[in-house]
Amino acid sequence: QVQLVQSGGGLVQAGGSLILSCAASGIIVSLNPMSWYRQAPGKQREWVATISSDGKTNYADSVEGRFTISRDAAKNMVYLQMNSLKSEDTAVYYCARIQIGYYSYWGQGTQVTVSS
């Protein structure tokens, strides 16, 4: 059984930083493309970042240069370091394993609120 359990998040002032964590079980994060998505109130869920199995990272334009996705193979965890946060980053953030042709797995979601 695959589980993605998220932690971190919370309330931060604009310009501040937060780190989100995603602990995986049932899959090996270093062998899978792992992603972060977010969903703001009244908006569709959007892709934020992906780290591929070979370690390459990709980011949405809106977070490029401010957010960093990483993984710890020994702990089987994925992280999202968020710096220079803006009010428009306020959303529920989700850790996910999304891969075409395979079942998708999602974390439970973590609220991030950036106050201006």
Protein backbone atom coordinates (compact mmCIF):
# COMPACT_ATOMS: atom_id res chain seq x y z
CA GLN A 1 0.00 0.00 0.00
CA VAL A 2 1.38 3.35 -1.06
CA GLN A 3 1.17 6.27 1.33
CA LEU A 4 2.45 9.82 1.00
CA VAL A 5 2.32 11.59 4.35
CA GLN A 6 2.96 15.30 4.34
CA SER A 7 4.17 17.63 7.08
CA GLY A 8 5.20 21.24 7.36
CA GLY A 9 3.35 24.25 6.06
CA GLY A 10 1.48 26.81 8.10
CA LEU A 11 1.30 30.59 8.26
CA VAL A 12 4.19 32.80 7.18
CA GLN A 13 4.65 36.45 6.29
CA ALA A 14 5.36 37.48 2.74
CA GLY A 15 9.05 37.15 2.00
CA GLY A 16 9.44 34.31 4.45
CA SER A 17 10.31 30.66 3.96
CA LEU A 18 8.72 27.30 4.63
CA ILE A 19 9.65 23.72 3.94
CA LEU A 20 7.19 20.96 3.14
CA SER A 21 8.04 17.31 3.67
CA CYS A 22 6.55 14.18 2.15
CA ALA A 23 7.30 10.78 3.67
CA ALA A 24 6.70 7.92 1.26
CA SER A 25 5.95 4.30 1.96
CA GLY A 26 5.19 1.58 -0.56
CA ILE A 27 7.24 3.29 -3.26
CA ILE A 28 10.87 4.30 -3.56
CA VAL A 29 11.04 8.03 -4.23
CA SER A 30 14.43 7.83 -5.94
CA LEU A 31 12.96 5.45 -8.55
CA ASN A 32 9.86 7.53 -9.24
CA PRO A 33 9.06 10.99 -10.55
CA MET A 34 7.84 12.90 -7.51
CA SER A 35 5.96 16.16 -7.72
CA TRP A 36 4.36 18.92 -5.76
CA TYR A 37 1.04 20.46 -6.77
CA ARG A 38 -1.04 23.18 -5.18
CA GLN A 39 -4.62 24.34 -5.19
CA ALA A 40 -5.60 27.86 -4.24
CA PRO A 41 -9.15 28.71 -3.13
CA GLY A 42 -11.49 28.79 -6.11
CA LYS A 43 -8.80 27.64 -8.52
CA GLN A 44 -7.83 24.39 -10.18
CA ARG A 45 -4.99 22.31 -8.85
CA GLU A 46 -1.74 23.29 -10.56
CA TRP A 47 1.64 21.68 -10.93
CA VAL A 48 4.50 23.26 -8.97
CA ALA A 49 7.62 21.12 -9.33
CA THR A 50 8.90 17.66 -10.22
CA ILE A 51 12.05 15.73 -9.46
CA SER A 52 12.55 12.86 -11.87
CA SER A 53 14.06 9.48 -11.08
CA ASP A 54 17.38 10.67 -12.50
CA GLY A 55 17.33 13.70 -10.22
CA LYS A 56 16.43 16.35 -12.78
CA THR A 57 14.15 19.07 -11.49
CA ASN A 58 11.54 21.20 -13.22
CA TYR A 59 9.50 24.09 -11.91
CA ALA A 60 6.47 26.10 -12.84
CA ASP A 61 7.41 29.57 -14.03
CA SER A 62 5.60 31.08 -11.05
CA VAL A 63 7.97 29.45 -8.54
CA GLU A 64 11.20 29.13 -10.56
CA GLY A 65 14.10 30.55 -8.57
CA ARG A 66 12.15 30.62 -5.30
CA PHE A 67 11.20 26.99 -4.68
CA THR A 68 13.46 23.95 -4.58
CA ILE A 69 12.32 20.34 -4.79
CA SER A 70 14.64 17.70 -3.39
CA ARG A 71 14.65 14.16 -2.06
CA ASP A 72 16.44 12.09 0.54
CA ALA A 73 16.79 8.54 -0.72
CA ALA A 74 17.89 7.20 2.66
CA LYS A 75 14.79 8.58 4.37
CA ASN A 76 12.56 8.01 1.32
CA MET A 77 11.32 11.56 1.55
CA VAL A 78 10.65 14.45 -0.78
CA TYR A 79 10.87 18.11 0.18
CA LEU A 80 9.76 21.47 -1.14
CA GLN A 81 11.78 24.40 0.14
CA MET A 82 9.84 27.59 -0.45
CA ASN A 83 11.60 30.96 -0.20
CA SER A 84 10.54 34.52 -0.90
CA LEU A 85 6.94 33.52 -0.42
CA LYS A 86 4.20 35.68 -1.87
CA SER A 87 0.53 35.98 -1.01
CA GLU A 88 -0.28 34.25 -4.30
CA ASP A 89 1.55 31.17 -3.05
CA THR A 90 -1.27 30.62 -0.55
CA ALA A 91 -2.76 27.22 -1.31
CA VAL A 92 -3.10 23.65 -0.21
CA TYR A 93 0.03 21.84 -1.34
CA TYR A 94 0.08 18.19 -2.35
CA CYS A 95 2.89 15.71 -2.74
CA ALA A 96 2.24 13.28 -5.58
CA ARG A 97 3.58 10.46 -7.70
CA ILE A 98 2.17 11.18 -11.14
CA GLN A 99 3.38 9.04 -14.00
CA ILE A 100 1.63 8.40 -17.31
CA GLY A 101 0.40 4.85 -17.51
CA TYR A 102 0.63 4.28 -13.79
CA TYR A 103 -1.67 4.81 -10.86
CA SER A 104 -1.43 8.26 -9.29
CA TYR A 105 -0.75 8.71 -5.60
CA TRP A 106 -1.43 11.86 -3.60
CA GLY A 107 -0.56 13.09 -0.16
CA GLN A 108 -3.22 14.41 2.18
CA GLY A 109 -2.50 18.06 1.48
CA THR A 110 -0.91 20.79 3.60
CA GLN A 111 -2.14 24.34 3.99
CA VAL A 112 0.32 27.14 3.28
CA THR A 113 -0.89 30.65 4.04
CA VAL A 114 1.21 33.69 3.19
CA SER A 115 0.14 36.93 4.83
CA SER A 116 0.94 40.20 3.12
